[in-house]
Amino acid sequence: MKNFVLFICIALLFITACSNSKEPPAEAKVGIKDKEKLRLSIWLPEWQNKSAMEDVKNSLDGLQDIRVFGAYFNSKDELLLTENAIDMLQQTQQQFNDSHPVILTLINDYVTDNAPSVQKDSTLLHRLVQDSSARQKHINNILQVVDQYQVSGIEIDYEKVAQKDLRNYILFLKELYKALSKKDVTLHVVLEPSFPFNMKLPNGPIYTVMAYNVHGYHSGPGAKATYSFLNDLVRKVKKSNQDLAIAFATGGFDWVAEGQIVALTELEAEQLLAETNAVKQRDKGSGAVYFTYVDDDNVRHEVWYADQETLEKWVNYIQKRSYHDVVLWRAGGLGARTLQWISEQSIE
C-alpha cells in the first residue's frame, strides 16, 4: 500500500510539472501582450473626394493621421490648390481635426492653364531648391499656405530629385523643418525607393518610403509590390540614419492585350472579377490577387490588385522586420474587409 501511495504522489508531481512547463514565463507573456502595434495613416486624393471621405469615415478608428493629396504648382512656381483639394481639406478639417492631425501633401507637379501638366517635374524642383534665395522663397510660400489653411502638418512628396539637387534638397528639408517648428506644424517627407538612403537626412521630419510601383503603367502585368522587392527595399532603408514609415498602394491595374493599362480601385477590380466570372488567384511571390478574362471584343485582359489579405501580408512582412508605421495610398474605392481591417488597428 505504501508503495502505491508513493507512486500516486510521484505521478501527481510529474503531471503538475508537465502542466506548468506549458505556461510561458512572465517575461514571454508581457512580450506578446506588449508587441508593437501597427500604426496606419492614409492619403486622400483630391480627385476622388466623396468616396475617399467615406472610406476615412468607415476606418477612422484605425488611423493615426489623415493626409490630403494635395497641392501642386502653377506657372509662377507657386503652390496651387484646386477647388477639389480645398474642399477636401476643409471637409477633412471640419470632420476629423478634433481627433486626427490633418496633413497637406505638396507634390512637384507643374499645372498650367494652356499646357499639359507635368508630373514629378525635376526641373521645377531644381528651381525651388537651387540656392538659399530660392529655398527661402519656396519656404515662405509654404508658410503662407500653412497660415491660410491652418493645417497640422505639411508633407513634401517631391519625386525625381536629380543627383545635382540632392544636397540642396536636404538643406531645404532642414530649413523648412526649422520654419514649421516655430508654428508647431509637423513636417513629413516621402522618399522614392531609389533614394540614396546612405545620405544623411536631417533630424525632425517624419519620413516615409514608397513600397510600390514594381508594376504599373511602365511595365507588364504584376503586383505593385513583391516580397523580393520589399526585401531589397528594407536592406536599402536600413542604411538610413532615420526611422522610416513604409507606404503601400491599394488597388491595381488591368493590362489589356493591345497595350492599354487601366488603373483600378479595389472595388472596381472586385466588380470586374464578379462580372467576368473569372478565377481569382493569389500570387505566392507578392500576396496580390490576379485573374484573366476575355472581353466582348475577344480581347484578353490580365488584372492584378491588392485586397485586404494582400495588404495584411505586406504589413506582416515588414512588421517582422521591425517596421510598424505604414501609410496607405490611397482612400477611395476600398473594399469592406479592407476598411474593417484598417479600423481594427486602433491603439487602445
Protein backbone atom coordinates (compact mmCIF):
# COMPACT_ATOMS: atom_id res chain seq x y z
CA MET A 1 0.00 0.00 0.00
CA LYS A 2 2.82 2.43 0.91
CA ASN A 3 4.43 1.82 -2.47
CA PHE A 4 1.12 2.50 -4.20
CA VAL A 5 0.63 5.82 -2.36
CA LEU A 6 4.21 6.79 -3.14
CA PHE A 7 3.61 6.01 -6.82
CA ILE A 8 0.46 8.21 -6.88
CA CYS A 9 2.32 11.13 -5.27
CA ILE A 10 5.17 10.91 -7.74
CA ALA A 11 2.70 10.70 -10.64
CA LEU A 12 0.83 13.80 -9.44
CA LEU A 13 4.07 15.73 -9.09
CA PHE A 14 5.08 14.72 -12.61
CA ILE A 15 1.70 15.78 -14.09
CA THR A 16 1.86 19.13 -12.27
CA ALA A 17 5.38 19.77 -13.53
CA CYS A 18 4.39 18.97 -17.11
CA SER A 19 1.35 21.22 -16.86
CA ASN A 20 3.46 24.11 -15.51
CA SER A 21 6.06 23.64 -18.21
CA LYS A 22 3.48 24.64 -20.85
CA GLU A 23 2.98 28.05 -19.24
CA PRO A 24 5.25 30.71 -20.78
CA PRO A 25 7.35 32.66 -18.31
CA ALA A 26 6.10 36.05 -17.18
CA GLU A 27 8.54 37.84 -19.47
CA ALA A 28 7.21 35.98 -22.52
CA LYS A 29 3.63 36.83 -21.64
CA VAL A 30 4.49 40.51 -21.36
CA GLY A 31 6.34 40.37 -24.66
CA ILE A 32 3.31 39.02 -26.52
CA LYS A 33 0.91 41.40 -24.84
CA ASP A 34 3.08 44.45 -25.45
CA LYS A 35 4.02 43.60 -29.03
CA GLU A 36 4.34 46.84 -31.00
CA LYS A 37 1.13 47.59 -32.84
CA LEU A 38 0.69 48.73 -36.38
CA ARG A 39 0.29 52.49 -36.87
CA LEU A 40 -1.66 53.36 -40.02
CA SER A 41 -2.11 56.60 -41.95
CA ILE A 42 -3.82 57.21 -45.29
CA TRP A 43 -3.79 59.62 -48.23
CA LEU A 44 -6.99 61.14 -49.64
CA PRO A 45 -6.72 62.05 -53.36
CA GLU A 46 -8.40 65.35 -54.22
CA TRP A 47 -9.88 63.91 -57.44
CA GLN A 48 -11.88 61.27 -55.54
CA ASN A 49 -13.34 63.43 -52.82
CA LYS A 50 -16.62 61.71 -51.97
CA SER A 51 -15.53 58.05 -51.88
CA ALA A 52 -12.24 58.89 -50.14
CA MET A 53 -14.08 60.73 -47.37
CA GLU A 54 -16.48 57.80 -46.97
CA ASP A 55 -13.56 55.37 -46.67
CA VAL A 56 -11.98 57.50 -43.95
CA LYS A 57 -15.24 57.72 -42.01
CA ASN A 58 -15.54 53.92 -42.14
CA SER A 59 -11.98 53.27 -40.96
CA LEU A 60 -11.23 56.27 -38.76
CA ASP A 61 -10.60 54.29 -35.55
CA GLY A 62 -7.51 52.66 -37.07
CA LEU A 63 -5.89 55.82 -38.46
CA GLN A 64 -3.17 57.90 -36.82
CA ASP A 65 -3.41 60.86 -39.20
CA ILE A 66 -5.05 61.90 -42.48
CA ARG A 67 -3.08 63.25 -45.46
CA VAL A 68 -4.83 65.36 -48.07
CA PHE A 69 -3.26 64.93 -51.50
CA GLY A 70 -2.70 67.72 -52.31
CA ALA A 71 -1.12 70.92 -53.57
CA TYR A 72 0.57 71.39 -56.97
CA PHE A 73 2.44 74.29 -58.62
CA ASN A 74 1.36 76.97 -61.07
CA SER A 75 3.29 78.74 -63.84
CA LYS A 76 4.90 81.06 -61.25
CA ASP A 77 6.31 78.11 -59.28
CA GLU A 78 3.84 78.88 -56.50
CA LEU A 79 1.68 76.36 -54.67
CA LEU A 80 -1.72 75.71 -56.20
CA LEU A 81 -4.70 74.02 -54.55
CA THR A 82 -7.54 73.05 -56.87
CA GLU A 83 -11.13 73.65 -55.81
CA ASN A 84 -11.45 69.92 -55.13
CA ALA A 85 -8.37 69.97 -52.91
CA ILE A 86 -9.58 72.99 -50.96
CA ASP A 87 -12.99 71.39 -50.49
CA MET A 88 -11.48 68.11 -49.33
CA LEU A 89 -9.06 69.83 -46.97
CA GLN A 90 -11.82 71.90 -45.39
CA GLN A 91 -14.17 68.90 -45.08
CA THR A 92 -11.41 66.80 -43.54
CA GLN A 93 -10.55 69.50 -41.02
CA GLN A 94 -14.20 70.08 -40.08
CA GLN A 95 -14.90 66.40 -39.52
CA PHE A 96 -11.63 64.99 -38.18
CA ASN A 97 -9.48 67.81 -36.77
CA ASP A 98 -10.57 67.13 -33.20
CA SER A 99 -9.37 63.52 -33.31
CA HIS A 100 -6.70 63.32 -36.03
CA PRO A 101 -3.91 65.55 -37.37
CA VAL A 102 -4.72 66.70 -40.91
CA ILE A 103 -1.64 66.93 -43.14
CA LEU A 104 -1.43 68.63 -46.54
CA THR A 105 0.78 66.89 -49.11
CA LEU A 106 2.74 69.00 -51.60
CA ILE A 107 3.59 67.41 -54.97
CA ASN A 108 6.07 68.69 -57.56
CA ASP A 109 3.52 68.52 -60.39
CA TYR A 110 3.50 71.53 -62.69
CA VAL A 111 -0.03 72.62 -63.65
CA THR A 112 -0.73 75.47 -66.11
CA ASP A 113 -3.85 76.66 -67.94
CA ASN A 114 -2.59 76.39 -71.51
CA ALA A 115 -0.35 73.34 -71.40
CA PRO A 116 -0.47 69.71 -70.25
CA SER A 117 0.52 69.18 -66.61
CA VAL A 118 3.97 67.76 -65.91
CA GLN A 119 4.07 65.16 -63.14
CA LYS A 120 7.04 64.91 -60.78
CA ASP A 121 8.88 67.71 -62.53
CA SER A 122 12.59 67.59 -61.63
CA THR A 123 13.27 70.93 -63.36
CA LEU A 124 10.63 72.59 -61.17
CA LEU A 125 12.24 71.05 -58.10
CA HIS A 126 15.64 72.36 -59.21
CA ARG A 127 14.25 75.91 -59.40
CA LEU A 128 12.70 75.59 -55.94
CA VAL A 129 15.86 74.50 -54.09
CA GLN A 130 18.78 75.60 -56.28
CA ASP A 131 20.14 78.21 -53.85
CA SER A 132 19.41 79.84 -50.49
CA SER A 133 17.25 82.56 -52.01
CA ALA A 134 15.09 80.10 -53.97
CA ARG A 135 14.65 77.84 -50.95
CA GLN A 136 13.61 80.75 -48.73
CA LYS A 137 11.11 81.95 -51.34
CA HIS A 138 9.57 78.48 -51.50
CA ILE A 139 9.51 78.11 -47.72
CA ASN A 140 7.73 81.48 -47.42
CA ASN A 141 5.14 80.24 -49.91
CA ILE A 142 4.61 77.08 -47.83
CA LEU A 143 4.21 79.16 -44.67
CA GLN A 144 1.57 81.27 -46.44
CA VAL A 145 -0.37 78.07 -47.20
CA VAL A 146 0.00 76.91 -43.58
CA ASP A 147 -1.38 80.21 -42.31
CA GLN A 148 -4.20 80.25 -44.85
CA TYR A 149 -5.44 76.68 -44.26
CA GLN A 150 -4.30 76.06 -40.68
CA VAL A 151 -3.04 72.52 -41.31
CA SER A 152 -1.48 70.38 -38.58
CA GLY A 153 1.34 69.22 -40.84
CA ILE A 154 2.98 69.62 -44.23
CA GLU A 155 4.19 66.66 -46.27
CA ILE A 156 6.78 67.01 -49.03
CA ASP A 157 6.27 64.49 -51.83
CA TYR A 158 8.86 65.76 -54.31
CA GLU A 159 9.98 62.98 -56.61
CA LYS A 160 12.66 62.55 -59.27
CA VAL A 161 15.21 64.54 -57.29
CA ALA A 162 18.20 64.98 -59.60
CA GLN A 163 21.61 63.98 -58.29
CA LYS A 164 22.83 67.57 -58.62
CA ASP A 165 19.94 68.79 -56.40
CA LEU A 166 20.26 66.27 -53.56
CA ARG A 167 22.43 68.45 -51.33
CA ASN A 168 20.18 71.49 -51.75
CA TYR A 169 17.09 69.35 -51.29
CA ILE A 170 18.43 68.13 -47.92
CA LEU A 171 19.16 71.73 -46.93
CA PHE A 172 15.61 72.67 -47.92
CA LEU A 173 14.16 69.98 -45.63
CA LYS A 174 16.32 71.16 -42.73
CA GLU A 175 15.37 74.82 -43.26
CA LEU A 176 11.67 74.03 -43.76
CA TYR A 177 11.54 71.92 -40.60
CA LYS A 178 13.00 74.79 -38.59
CA ALA A 179 10.46 77.26 -40.01
CA LEU A 180 7.46 74.94 -39.46
CA SER A 181 8.54 74.09 -35.92
CA LYS A 182 8.11 77.73 -34.94
CA LYS A 183 4.44 77.38 -35.89
CA ASP A 184 4.10 73.97 -34.18
CA VAL A 185 3.46 72.35 -37.57
CA THR A 186 4.93 68.90 -38.29
CA LEU A 187 6.98 68.08 -41.38
CA HIS A 188 6.59 64.78 -43.24
CA VAL A 189 8.70 63.68 -46.21
CA VAL A 190 8.03 60.99 -48.83
CA LEU A 191 11.03 59.31 -50.44
CA GLU A 192 11.17 57.10 -53.53
CA PRO A 193 12.64 53.56 -53.32
CA SER A 194 15.55 54.78 -55.46
CA PHE A 195 16.56 57.47 -52.94
CA PRO A 196 20.20 57.15 -51.74
CA PHE A 197 19.46 56.16 -48.15
CA ASN A 198 23.10 56.33 -47.13
CA MET A 199 22.76 60.12 -47.43
CA LYS A 200 22.25 61.70 -44.01
CA LEU A 201 18.74 63.10 -43.56
CA PRO A 202 18.03 65.97 -41.14
CA ASN A 203 16.53 65.11 -37.78
CA GLY A 204 12.99 66.25 -37.06
CA PRO A 205 10.90 65.42 -40.13
CA ILE A 206 8.92 62.17 -40.26
CA TYR A 207 9.97 60.10 -43.28
CA THR A 208 8.06 57.63 -45.45
CA VAL A 209 9.41 55.44 -48.26
CA MET A 210 7.18 54.30 -51.12
CA ALA A 211 6.98 50.49 -51.32
CA TYR A 212 5.16 50.21 -54.62
CA ASN A 213 5.27 50.73 -58.40
CA VAL A 214 7.10 47.48 -59.11
CA HIS A 215 4.47 47.00 -61.81
CA GLY A 216 2.24 49.68 -63.28
CA TYR A 217 1.90 51.92 -66.32
CA HIS A 218 5.59 51.41 -67.08
CA SER A 219 5.57 47.60 -67.17
CA GLY A 220 3.76 44.40 -67.95
CA PRO A 221 1.32 42.70 -65.57
CA GLY A 222 2.25 42.09 -61.97
CA ALA A 223 1.86 43.18 -58.36
CA LYS A 224 2.56 46.71 -57.12
CA ALA A 225 4.90 45.18 -54.54
CA THR A 226 6.61 41.80 -54.26
CA TYR A 227 8.39 40.16 -51.34
CA SER A 228 11.75 40.26 -53.13
CA PHE A 229 11.25 44.00 -53.76
CA LEU A 230 10.39 44.54 -50.09
CA ASN A 231 13.49 42.61 -49.06
CA ASP A 232 15.70 44.79 -51.24
CA LEU A 233 13.97 47.95 -50.01
CA VAL A 234 14.42 47.06 -46.34
CA ARG A 235 18.13 46.42 -46.96
CA LYS A 236 18.47 49.88 -48.51
CA VAL A 237 16.37 51.65 -45.88
CA LYS A 238 18.46 50.17 -43.05
CA LYS A 239 21.34 52.33 -44.28
CA SER A 240 19.37 55.47 -43.36
CA ASN A 241 20.09 57.48 -40.23
CA GLN A 242 16.30 57.83 -39.78
CA ASP A 243 13.40 55.52 -38.97
CA LEU A 244 11.06 55.38 -41.94
CA ALA A 245 7.40 54.51 -42.38
CA ILE A 246 6.52 52.20 -45.28
CA ALA A 247 3.87 53.21 -47.84
CA PHE A 248 1.81 50.54 -49.63
CA ALA A 249 -0.54 51.02 -52.57
CA THR A 250 -4.12 49.77 -52.68
CA GLY A 251 -5.99 48.82 -55.86
CA GLY A 252 -4.25 47.70 -59.03
CA PHE A 253 -4.31 47.64 -62.84
CA ASP A 254 -6.00 45.98 -65.80
CA TRP A 255 -3.47 45.15 -68.53
CA VAL A 256 -5.15 44.84 -71.93
CA ALA A 257 -3.54 42.65 -74.59
CA GLU A 258 -3.45 45.58 -77.01
CA GLY A 259 -1.23 47.58 -74.64
CA GLN A 260 -3.71 49.77 -72.80
CA ILE A 261 -3.37 49.89 -69.00
CA VAL A 262 -6.25 50.95 -66.77
CA ALA A 263 -5.91 51.79 -63.06
CA LEU A 264 -8.49 50.11 -60.80
CA THR A 265 -9.55 50.61 -57.22
CA GLU A 266 -10.10 47.50 -55.11
CA LEU A 267 -13.88 47.80 -55.54
CA GLU A 268 -13.58 48.17 -59.32
CA ALA A 269 -11.33 45.11 -59.52
CA GLU A 270 -13.70 43.05 -57.38
CA GLN A 271 -16.66 44.14 -59.51
CA LEU A 272 -14.81 43.18 -62.68
CA LEU A 273 -13.96 39.81 -61.15
CA ALA A 274 -17.64 39.16 -60.39
CA GLU A 275 -18.92 40.36 -63.78
CA THR A 276 -16.48 38.24 -65.78
CA ASN A 277 -16.79 35.11 -63.61
CA ALA A 278 -13.00 34.89 -63.72
CA VAL A 279 -11.00 32.63 -61.42
CA LYS A 280 -9.49 34.55 -58.50
CA GLN A 281 -5.87 33.54 -57.83
CA ARG A 282 -3.26 34.71 -55.33
CA ASP A 283 0.39 35.17 -56.25
CA LYS A 284 2.84 33.48 -53.85
CA GLY A 285 5.59 35.99 -54.60
CA SER A 286 3.55 39.03 -53.58
CA GLY A 287 0.28 38.07 -51.94
CA ALA A 288 -1.55 40.03 -54.65
CA VAL A 289 -4.72 38.86 -56.37
CA TYR A 290 -4.74 38.29 -60.12
CA PHE A 291 -7.14 36.97 -62.76
CA THR A 292 -7.61 36.96 -66.53
CA TYR A 293 -10.67 37.36 -68.71
CA VAL A 294 -11.64 37.93 -72.34
CA ASP A 295 -13.96 40.86 -73.06
CA ASP A 296 -16.84 41.08 -75.57
CA ASP A 297 -14.41 42.05 -78.33
CA ASN A 298 -12.40 38.88 -77.70
CA VAL A 299 -9.53 40.90 -76.19
CA ARG A 300 -7.60 39.32 -73.31
CA HIS A 301 -7.16 41.19 -70.01
CA GLU A 302 -4.93 40.48 -67.03
CA VAL A 303 -5.80 42.14 -63.72
CA TRP A 304 -3.62 42.44 -60.62
CA TYR A 305 -4.70 44.18 -57.42
CA ALA A 306 -4.32 44.30 -53.65
CA ASP A 307 -7.19 43.28 -51.38
CA GLN A 308 -7.34 43.20 -47.59
CA GLU A 309 -5.40 39.93 -47.41
CA THR A 310 -2.66 41.35 -49.66
CA LEU A 311 -2.26 44.46 -47.51
CA GLU A 312 -2.16 42.36 -44.35
CA LYS A 313 0.50 40.07 -45.84
CA TRP A 314 2.65 43.06 -46.86
CA VAL A 315 2.26 44.67 -43.44
CA ASN A 316 3.11 41.44 -41.60
CA TYR A 317 6.17 41.05 -43.80
CA ILE A 318 7.62 44.43 -42.84
CA GLN A 319 6.50 44.21 -39.21
CA LYS A 320 8.61 41.07 -38.85
CA ARG A 321 11.49 43.32 -39.88
CA SER A 322 10.61 45.90 -37.19
CA TYR A 323 8.72 48.43 -39.32
CA HIS A 324 5.41 49.33 -37.70
CA ASP A 325 4.42 52.63 -39.32
CA VAL A 326 2.51 52.27 -42.57
CA VAL A 327 0.88 54.79 -44.92
CA LEU A 328 -1.71 53.64 -47.46
CA TRP A 329 -2.00 55.07 -50.93
CA ARG A 330 -4.96 55.58 -51.01
CA ALA A 331 -8.54 56.05 -49.74
CA GLY A 332 -11.37 55.84 -52.27
CA GLY A 333 -12.74 52.56 -53.60
CA LEU A 334 -11.58 50.35 -50.74
CA GLY A 335 -13.44 47.10 -50.04
CA ALA A 336 -15.49 46.48 -46.90
CA ARG A 337 -12.99 43.95 -45.50
CA THR A 338 -10.10 46.36 -46.06
CA LEU A 339 -11.95 49.15 -44.26
CA GLN A 340 -12.75 46.81 -41.38
CA TRP A 341 -9.11 45.72 -41.16
CA ILE A 342 -7.93 49.35 -41.06
CA SER A 343 -10.50 50.21 -38.39
CA GLU A 344 -9.32 47.31 -36.21
CA GLN A 345 -5.79 48.73 -35.99
CA SER A 346 -6.83 51.25 -33.31
CA ILE A 347 -4.43 51.69 -30.42
CA GLU A 348 -6.34 51.44 -27.16
